[in-house]
Amino acid sequence: MTEKVFGVSLGRNATQSLSEYLRRQGLTVTHFYDYEGIPLGTFSEDLKGIIDHFETLPKTDAYLDIPHSLIFEELYAKYPNAKFINITRTQDNWVASMKRIQDARSHDGDPYIFEEAYCNLYAATGKKKIQDLTEAELRVIYDRHLLS
């Protein structure tokens, strides 16, 4: 068995399906995280904060979705023998899926942990909530994620 498996796809790129598949193979999986249970201010909304957060997660065989998808290079440096899986949709299909999730999960409260990092790690949008990202900003995030 490999050291670890990292699903470094942006959310809305079959991360749930990959999570289910890996569990059926007998692996333990951390998919996303209980973002509503993590108090704001616990971690900084930047690369260091994401890495610090990763270190606090339960030890499992596989990690998928945010925030792992945002720190590929750091994970690769720490786990060079791991398997890294990046599933993608076409940009148009991904943006459409993100727009649906923006509508379904929009809220008036504070941003969830790492939501601001997601909005600004690839492009300085200045936004704090994924629901506020424009289609053009989503396209930039998609393109830059694939380049990293």
N, C-alpha and C. Protein backbone atom coordinates (compact mmCIF):
# COMPACT_ATOMS: atom_id res chain seq x y z
N MET A 1 0.85 -1.19 0.00
CA MET A 1 0.00 0.00 0.00
C MET A 1 0.88 1.23 0.00
N THR A 2 0.46 2.21 -0.74
CA THR A 2 1.17 3.48 -0.80
C THR A 2 1.08 4.22 0.54
N GLU A 3 1.97 5.17 0.71
CA GLU A 3 2.02 5.94 1.95
C GLU A 3 0.69 6.64 2.22
N LYS A 4 0.17 7.38 1.29
CA LYS A 4 -1.08 8.13 1.40
C LYS A 4 -1.68 8.29 0.01
N VAL A 5 -2.95 8.65 0.00
CA VAL A 5 -3.63 9.01 -1.24
C VAL A 5 -4.21 10.41 -1.02
N PHE A 6 -3.95 11.29 -1.96
CA PHE A 6 -4.49 12.64 -1.90
C PHE A 6 -5.31 12.91 -3.14
N GLY A 7 -6.57 13.24 -2.94
CA GLY A 7 -7.41 13.70 -4.03
C GLY A 7 -7.25 15.21 -4.09
N VAL A 8 -6.52 15.69 -5.06
CA VAL A 8 -6.21 17.11 -5.12
C VAL A 8 -7.08 17.85 -6.13
N SER A 9 -8.19 17.24 -6.48
CA SER A 9 -9.16 17.90 -7.35
C SER A 9 -9.87 18.99 -6.58
N LEU A 10 -10.22 20.06 -7.27
CA LEU A 10 -11.11 21.03 -6.66
C LEU A 10 -12.45 20.36 -6.43
N GLY A 11 -13.15 20.77 -5.39
CA GLY A 11 -14.48 20.24 -5.14
C GLY A 11 -15.35 20.38 -6.38
N ARG A 12 -16.32 19.52 -6.53
CA ARG A 12 -17.22 19.46 -7.69
C ARG A 12 -16.55 18.76 -8.86
N ASN A 13 -15.51 17.96 -8.57
CA ASN A 13 -14.81 17.17 -9.59
C ASN A 13 -14.75 15.71 -9.14
N ALA A 14 -15.87 15.16 -8.76
CA ALA A 14 -15.99 13.74 -8.39
C ALA A 14 -15.28 13.38 -7.08
N THR A 15 -15.10 14.35 -6.19
CA THR A 15 -14.42 14.02 -4.93
C THR A 15 -15.28 13.10 -4.07
N GLN A 16 -16.60 13.27 -4.09
CA GLN A 16 -17.48 12.38 -3.32
C GLN A 16 -17.42 10.97 -3.88
N SER A 17 -17.45 10.83 -5.18
CA SER A 17 -17.37 9.50 -5.80
C SER A 17 -16.04 8.84 -5.50
N LEU A 18 -14.95 9.60 -5.57
CA LEU A 18 -13.64 9.06 -5.25
C LEU A 18 -13.58 8.62 -3.79
N SER A 19 -14.17 9.42 -2.92
CA SER A 19 -14.21 9.07 -1.49
C SER A 19 -14.93 7.74 -1.28
N GLU A 20 -16.06 7.59 -1.90
CA GLU A 20 -16.81 6.33 -1.77
C GLU A 20 -16.02 5.16 -2.34
N TYR A 21 -15.38 5.34 -3.48
CA TYR A 21 -14.58 4.28 -4.08
C TYR A 21 -13.45 3.85 -3.15
N LEU A 22 -12.71 4.82 -2.61
CA LEU A 22 -11.58 4.49 -1.74
C LEU A 22 -12.04 3.78 -0.47
N ARG A 23 -13.16 4.18 0.07
CA ARG A 23 -13.71 3.49 1.26
C ARG A 23 -14.06 2.04 0.92
N ARG A 24 -14.61 1.82 -0.25
CA ARG A 24 -14.95 0.45 -0.67
C ARG A 24 -13.69 -0.40 -0.84
N GLN A 25 -12.56 0.25 -1.07
CA GLN A 25 -11.29 -0.48 -1.20
C GLN A 25 -10.66 -0.73 0.17
N GLY A 26 -11.33 -0.29 1.23
CA GLY A 26 -10.84 -0.53 2.58
C GLY A 26 -9.98 0.59 3.16
N LEU A 27 -9.89 1.72 2.49
CA LEU A 27 -9.10 2.83 3.00
C LEU A 27 -9.94 3.71 3.91
N THR A 28 -9.29 4.33 4.88
CA THR A 28 -9.94 5.36 5.67
C THR A 28 -9.76 6.68 4.95
N VAL A 29 -10.80 7.51 4.98
CA VAL A 29 -10.81 8.71 4.15
C VAL A 29 -11.27 9.92 4.95
N THR A 30 -10.55 11.02 4.78
CA THR A 30 -11.03 12.32 5.23
C THR A 30 -11.44 13.07 3.97
N HIS A 31 -12.74 13.25 3.81
CA HIS A 31 -13.27 13.96 2.65
C HIS A 31 -13.83 15.28 3.14
N PHE A 32 -13.23 16.36 2.64
CA PHE A 32 -13.61 17.69 3.09
C PHE A 32 -13.36 17.73 4.59
N TYR A 33 -14.21 18.30 5.36
CA TYR A 33 -14.06 18.36 6.80
C TYR A 33 -15.35 18.92 7.36
N ASP A 34 -15.51 18.88 8.66
CA ASP A 34 -16.70 19.42 9.31
C ASP A 34 -16.50 20.93 9.45
N TYR A 35 -16.68 21.64 8.34
CA TYR A 35 -16.35 23.06 8.33
C TYR A 35 -17.21 23.88 9.28
N GLU A 36 -18.43 23.44 9.53
CA GLU A 36 -19.29 24.19 10.44
C GLU A 36 -18.86 24.00 11.89
N GLY A 37 -18.12 22.94 12.18
CA GLY A 37 -17.68 22.67 13.54
C GLY A 37 -16.33 23.27 13.89
N ILE A 38 -15.70 23.91 12.94
CA ILE A 38 -14.38 24.51 13.19
C ILE A 38 -14.57 26.01 13.38
N PRO A 39 -14.24 26.52 14.55
CA PRO A 39 -14.48 27.95 14.79
C PRO A 39 -13.61 28.85 13.92
N LEU A 40 -14.21 29.94 13.48
CA LEU A 40 -13.45 30.94 12.73
C LEU A 40 -12.31 31.44 13.58
N GLY A 41 -11.22 31.76 12.94
CA GLY A 41 -10.06 32.26 13.67
C GLY A 41 -9.16 31.17 14.20
N THR A 42 -9.56 29.91 14.04
CA THR A 42 -8.75 28.79 14.50
C THR A 42 -7.48 28.67 13.68
N PHE A 43 -7.58 28.93 12.39
CA PHE A 43 -6.44 28.86 11.48
C PHE A 43 -6.45 30.10 10.61
N SER A 44 -5.29 30.49 10.15
CA SER A 44 -5.21 31.66 9.28
C SER A 44 -5.63 31.28 7.86
N GLU A 45 -6.22 32.22 7.17
CA GLU A 45 -6.75 32.00 5.83
C GLU A 45 -5.66 32.17 4.77
N ASP A 46 -4.62 31.35 4.88
CA ASP A 46 -3.52 31.41 3.94
C ASP A 46 -2.88 30.03 3.85
N LEU A 47 -1.82 29.94 3.07
CA LEU A 47 -1.16 28.66 2.86
C LEU A 47 -0.70 28.03 4.18
N LYS A 48 -0.10 28.81 5.05
CA LYS A 48 0.36 28.29 6.35
C LYS A 48 -0.81 27.78 7.17
N GLY A 49 -1.91 28.51 7.16
CA GLY A 49 -3.09 28.08 7.90
C GLY A 49 -3.65 26.76 7.40
N ILE A 50 -3.64 26.58 6.09
CA ILE A 50 -4.13 25.33 5.51
C ILE A 50 -3.22 24.17 5.93
N ILE A 51 -1.91 24.40 5.87
CA ILE A 51 -0.96 23.35 6.28
C ILE A 51 -1.11 23.04 7.77
N ASP A 52 -1.24 24.07 8.59
CA ASP A 52 -1.46 23.86 10.03
C ASP A 52 -2.73 23.05 10.27
N HIS A 53 -3.79 23.39 9.54
CA HIS A 53 -5.05 22.66 9.66
C HIS A 53 -4.87 21.18 9.28
N PHE A 54 -4.18 20.95 8.18
CA PHE A 54 -3.94 19.57 7.74
C PHE A 54 -3.30 18.74 8.85
N GLU A 55 -2.37 19.33 9.57
CA GLU A 55 -1.67 18.60 10.63
C GLU A 55 -2.59 18.21 11.78
N THR A 56 -3.75 18.84 11.90
CA THR A 56 -4.68 18.53 13.01
C THR A 56 -5.73 17.49 12.63
N LEU A 57 -5.79 17.13 11.36
CA LEU A 57 -6.83 16.20 10.91
C LEU A 57 -6.56 14.79 11.42
N PRO A 58 -7.62 14.00 11.54
CA PRO A 58 -7.42 12.60 11.91
C PRO A 58 -6.49 11.93 10.89
N LYS A 59 -5.69 11.00 11.34
CA LYS A 59 -4.77 10.30 10.44
C LYS A 59 -5.57 9.24 9.68
N THR A 60 -5.66 9.45 8.38
CA THR A 60 -6.37 8.50 7.52
C THR A 60 -5.48 8.14 6.33
N ASP A 61 -5.94 7.16 5.56
CA ASP A 61 -5.19 6.73 4.38
C ASP A 61 -5.28 7.74 3.24
N ALA A 62 -6.43 8.41 3.15
CA ALA A 62 -6.68 9.30 2.03
C ALA A 62 -7.31 10.61 2.50
N TYR A 63 -6.99 11.67 1.77
CA TYR A 63 -7.51 13.00 2.05
C TYR A 63 -8.00 13.60 0.74
N LEU A 64 -9.22 14.12 0.73
CA LEU A 64 -9.81 14.63 -0.51
C LEU A 64 -10.44 16.01 -0.30
N ASP A 65 -10.49 16.77 -1.38
CA ASP A 65 -11.20 18.04 -1.45
C ASP A 65 -10.46 19.13 -0.68
N ILE A 66 -11.17 20.18 -0.31
CA ILE A 66 -10.58 21.31 0.41
C ILE A 66 -10.26 20.87 1.83
N PRO A 67 -9.19 21.24 2.42
CA PRO A 67 -8.20 22.17 1.90
C PRO A 67 -7.04 21.48 1.17
N HIS A 68 -7.08 20.15 1.08
CA HIS A 68 -5.95 19.40 0.50
C HIS A 68 -5.68 19.78 -0.95
N SER A 69 -6.75 20.10 -1.66
CA SER A 69 -6.58 20.46 -3.07
C SER A 69 -5.80 21.75 -3.25
N LEU A 70 -5.71 22.55 -2.20
CA LEU A 70 -5.04 23.84 -2.30
C LEU A 70 -3.55 23.78 -1.96
N ILE A 71 -3.07 22.63 -1.46
CA ILE A 71 -1.67 22.56 -1.01
C ILE A 71 -0.91 21.39 -1.64
N PHE A 72 -1.16 21.15 -2.92
CA PHE A 72 -0.54 20.03 -3.61
C PHE A 72 0.98 20.02 -3.45
N GLU A 73 1.64 21.13 -3.75
CA GLU A 73 3.11 21.15 -3.74
C GLU A 73 3.65 20.82 -2.36
N GLU A 74 3.03 21.34 -1.32
CA GLU A 74 3.48 21.07 0.05
C GLU A 74 3.26 19.61 0.42
N LEU A 75 2.13 19.05 0.01
CA LEU A 75 1.87 17.64 0.30
C LEU A 75 2.83 16.75 -0.48
N TYR A 76 3.11 17.10 -1.73
CA TYR A 76 4.04 16.31 -2.53
C TYR A 76 5.43 16.33 -1.91
N ALA A 77 5.86 17.47 -1.40
CA ALA A 77 7.17 17.57 -0.76
C ALA A 77 7.23 16.70 0.49
N LYS A 78 6.15 16.63 1.24
CA LYS A 78 6.12 15.87 2.49
C LYS A 78 5.87 14.38 2.25
N TYR A 79 5.10 14.06 1.22
CA TYR A 79 4.73 12.66 0.93
C TYR A 79 5.06 12.31 -0.52
N PRO A 80 6.32 12.26 -0.90
CA PRO A 80 6.66 12.03 -2.31
C PRO A 80 6.25 10.65 -2.83
N ASN A 81 6.01 9.69 -1.95
CA ASN A 81 5.60 8.36 -2.39
C ASN A 81 4.09 8.18 -2.41
N ALA A 82 3.37 9.22 -2.08
CA ALA A 82 1.90 9.15 -2.07
C ALA A 82 1.37 9.11 -3.50
N LYS A 83 0.11 8.71 -3.61
CA LYS A 83 -0.61 8.76 -4.88
C LYS A 83 -1.43 10.04 -4.88
N PHE A 84 -1.34 10.81 -5.94
CA PHE A 84 -2.08 12.05 -6.08
C PHE A 84 -3.05 11.89 -7.24
N ILE A 85 -4.32 12.13 -6.97
CA ILE A 85 -5.37 11.95 -7.97
C ILE A 85 -6.03 13.30 -8.21
N ASN A 86 -6.05 13.73 -9.47
CA ASN A 86 -6.72 14.97 -9.84
C ASN A 86 -7.72 14.66 -10.93
N ILE A 87 -8.97 14.62 -10.56
CA ILE A 87 -10.06 14.39 -11.52
C ILE A 87 -10.59 15.75 -11.93
N THR A 88 -10.83 15.92 -13.22
CA THR A 88 -11.35 17.20 -13.68
C THR A 88 -12.58 17.01 -14.55
N ARG A 89 -13.39 18.03 -14.56
CA ARG A 89 -14.49 18.17 -15.51
C ARG A 89 -14.05 19.22 -16.51
N THR A 90 -14.82 19.39 -17.55
CA THR A 90 -14.56 20.54 -18.41
C THR A 90 -14.82 21.79 -17.58
N GLN A 91 -14.17 22.87 -17.94
CA GLN A 91 -14.33 24.10 -17.19
C GLN A 91 -15.81 24.53 -17.16
N ASP A 92 -16.50 24.46 -18.28
CA ASP A 92 -17.90 24.87 -18.32
C ASP A 92 -18.75 24.05 -17.36
N ASN A 93 -18.55 22.73 -17.34
CA ASN A 93 -19.32 21.88 -16.44
C ASN A 93 -18.98 22.16 -14.97
N TRP A 94 -17.70 22.41 -14.69
CA TRP A 94 -17.30 22.71 -13.31
C TRP A 94 -17.91 24.03 -12.85
N VAL A 95 -17.84 25.05 -13.68
CA VAL A 95 -18.40 26.36 -13.32
C VAL A 95 -19.90 26.22 -13.09
N ALA A 96 -20.60 25.50 -13.95
CA ALA A 96 -22.04 25.31 -13.77
C ALA A 96 -22.34 24.61 -12.44
N SER A 97 -21.54 23.60 -12.10
CA SER A 97 -21.72 22.90 -10.84
C SER A 97 -21.44 23.82 -9.65
N MET A 98 -20.39 24.64 -9.76
CA MET A 98 -20.08 25.58 -8.69
C MET A 98 -21.19 26.60 -8.52
N LYS A 99 -21.78 27.07 -9.61
CA LYS A 99 -22.88 28.03 -9.51
C LYS A 99 -24.08 27.39 -8.80
N ARG A 100 -24.35 26.11 -9.08
CA ARG A 100 -25.45 25.43 -8.39
C ARG A 100 -25.18 25.32 -6.90
N ILE A 101 -23.93 24.98 -6.54
CA ILE A 101 -23.59 24.83 -5.12
C ILE A 101 -23.57 26.19 -4.43
N GLN A 102 -23.18 27.24 -5.15
CA GLN A 102 -23.23 28.59 -4.58
C GLN A 102 -24.67 28.92 -4.17
N ASP A 103 -25.59 28.61 -5.04
CA ASP A 103 -27.00 28.89 -4.74
C ASP A 103 -27.51 28.01 -3.60
N ALA A 104 -27.15 26.75 -3.62
CA ALA A 104 -27.66 25.81 -2.62
C ALA A 104 -27.08 26.07 -1.23
N ARG A 105 -25.85 26.54 -1.15
CA ARG A 105 -25.20 26.71 0.16
C ARG A 105 -24.96 28.16 0.54
N SER A 106 -25.60 29.07 -0.14
CA SER A 106 -25.37 30.47 0.20
C SER A 106 -25.95 30.74 1.58
N HIS A 107 -25.29 31.64 2.30
CA HIS A 107 -25.69 31.95 3.67
C HIS A 107 -25.32 33.38 4.01
N ASP A 108 -25.95 33.91 5.03
CA ASP A 108 -25.70 35.28 5.45
C ASP A 108 -24.68 35.38 6.58
N GLY A 109 -24.22 34.25 7.09
CA GLY A 109 -23.30 34.25 8.22
C GLY A 109 -21.86 34.49 7.81
N ASP A 110 -20.98 34.33 8.78
CA ASP A 110 -19.55 34.46 8.52
C ASP A 110 -19.12 33.39 7.52
N PRO A 111 -18.04 33.65 6.77
CA PRO A 111 -17.53 32.61 5.87
C PRO A 111 -17.07 31.41 6.68
N TYR A 112 -17.14 30.25 6.06
CA TYR A 112 -16.62 29.04 6.69
C TYR A 112 -15.10 29.08 6.67
N ILE A 113 -14.50 28.28 7.52
CA ILE A 113 -13.05 28.21 7.56
C ILE A 113 -12.52 27.83 6.17
N PHE A 114 -11.49 28.51 5.74
CA PHE A 114 -10.80 28.33 4.47
C PHE A 114 -11.61 28.74 3.25
N GLU A 115 -12.78 29.30 3.46
CA GLU A 115 -13.54 29.81 2.34
C GLU A 115 -12.84 31.04 1.75
N GLU A 116 -12.33 31.90 2.61
CA GLU A 116 -11.60 33.08 2.14
C GLU A 116 -10.31 32.67 1.43
N ALA A 117 -9.64 31.65 1.95
CA ALA A 117 -8.42 31.16 1.30
C ALA A 117 -8.75 30.64 -0.09
N TYR A 118 -9.84 29.88 -0.22
CA TYR A 118 -10.26 29.35 -1.51
C TYR A 118 -10.50 30.49 -2.49
N CYS A 119 -11.11 31.57 -2.01
CA CYS A 119 -11.43 32.71 -2.87
C CYS A 119 -10.20 33.48 -3.30
N ASN A 120 -9.10 33.36 -2.56
CA ASN A 120 -7.96 34.25 -2.81
C ASN A 120 -6.62 33.56 -3.03
N LEU A 121 -6.53 32.25 -2.88
CA LEU A 121 -5.24 31.58 -3.02
C LEU A 121 -4.76 31.60 -4.48
N TYR A 122 -5.66 31.39 -5.42
CA TYR A 122 -5.28 31.37 -6.82
C TYR A 122 -5.41 32.72 -7.49
N ALA A 123 -6.28 33.56 -6.98
CA ALA A 123 -6.52 34.89 -7.54
C ALA A 123 -6.96 35.80 -6.41
N ALA A 124 -6.42 36.98 -6.37
CA ALA A 124 -6.77 37.93 -5.30
C ALA A 124 -8.13 38.55 -5.60
N THR A 125 -9.19 37.82 -5.28
CA THR A 125 -10.54 38.32 -5.56
C THR A 125 -10.98 39.32 -4.50
N GLY A 126 -10.39 39.24 -3.30
CA GLY A 126 -10.82 40.09 -2.20
C GLY A 126 -12.11 39.62 -1.56
N LYS A 127 -12.62 38.48 -1.99
CA LYS A 127 -13.89 37.97 -1.47
C LYS A 127 -13.64 36.98 -0.35
N LYS A 128 -14.66 36.78 0.48
CA LYS A 128 -14.53 35.89 1.63
C LYS A 128 -15.43 34.66 1.54
N LYS A 129 -16.38 34.66 0.62
CA LYS A 129 -17.31 33.54 0.50
C LYS A 129 -17.34 33.03 -0.94
N ILE A 130 -17.34 31.73 -1.08
CA ILE A 130 -17.39 31.11 -2.40
C ILE A 130 -18.66 31.55 -3.14
N GLN A 131 -19.73 31.75 -2.42
CA GLN A 131 -20.99 32.14 -3.04
C GLN A 131 -20.90 33.49 -3.76
N ASP A 132 -19.91 34.30 -3.40
CA ASP A 132 -19.77 35.63 -3.99
C ASP A 132 -18.85 35.67 -5.21
N LEU A 133 -18.22 34.56 -5.53
CA LEU A 133 -17.32 34.52 -6.68
C LEU A 133 -18.12 34.62 -7.98
N THR A 134 -17.61 35.42 -8.90
CA THR A 134 -18.25 35.54 -10.20
C THR A 134 -17.85 34.36 -11.08
N GLU A 135 -18.54 34.21 -12.18
CA GLU A 135 -18.18 33.16 -13.13
C GLU A 135 -16.76 33.36 -13.63
N ALA A 136 -16.38 34.59 -13.92
CA ALA A 136 -15.02 34.87 -14.40
C ALA A 136 -13.98 34.48 -13.34
N GLU A 137 -14.25 34.78 -12.08
CA GLU A 137 -13.32 34.42 -11.00
C GLU A 137 -13.23 32.91 -10.83
N LEU A 138 -14.36 32.22 -10.96
CA LEU A 138 -14.34 30.76 -10.89
C LEU A 138 -13.47 30.19 -12.02
N ARG A 139 -13.57 30.74 -13.19
CA ARG A 139 -12.77 30.26 -14.32
C ARG A 139 -11.27 30.46 -14.07
N VAL A 140 -10.91 31.58 -13.46
CA VAL A 140 -9.50 31.82 -13.13
C VAL A 140 -9.03 30.79 -12.10
N ILE A 141 -9.84 30.54 -11.08
CA ILE A 141 -9.48 29.55 -10.05
C ILE A 141 -9.28 28.19 -10.69
N TYR A 142 -10.19 27.78 -11.54
CA TYR A 142 -10.09 26.50 -12.23
C TYR A 142 -8.79 26.40 -13.02
N ASP A 143 -8.51 27.42 -13.84
CA ASP A 143 -7.30 27.40 -14.67
C ASP A 143 -6.05 27.37 -13.83
N ARG A 144 -5.98 28.19 -12.81
CA ARG A 144 -4.76 28.27 -11.99
C ARG A 144 -4.57 27.02 -11.15
N HIS A 145 -5.66 26.40 -10.74
CA HIS A 145 -5.53 25.13 -10.00
C HIS A 145 -4.87 24.08 -10.89
N LEU A 146 -5.29 24.01 -12.13
CA LEU A 146 -4.72 23.02 -13.03
C LEU A 146 -3.25 23.30 -13.36
N LEU A 147 -2.85 24.56 -13.28
CA LEU A 147 -1.46 24.91 -13.55
C LEU A 147 -0.55 24.64 -12.36
N SER A 148 -1.11 24.57 -11.16
CA SER A 148 -0.25 24.39 -9.97
C SER A 148 0.15 22.96 -9.77
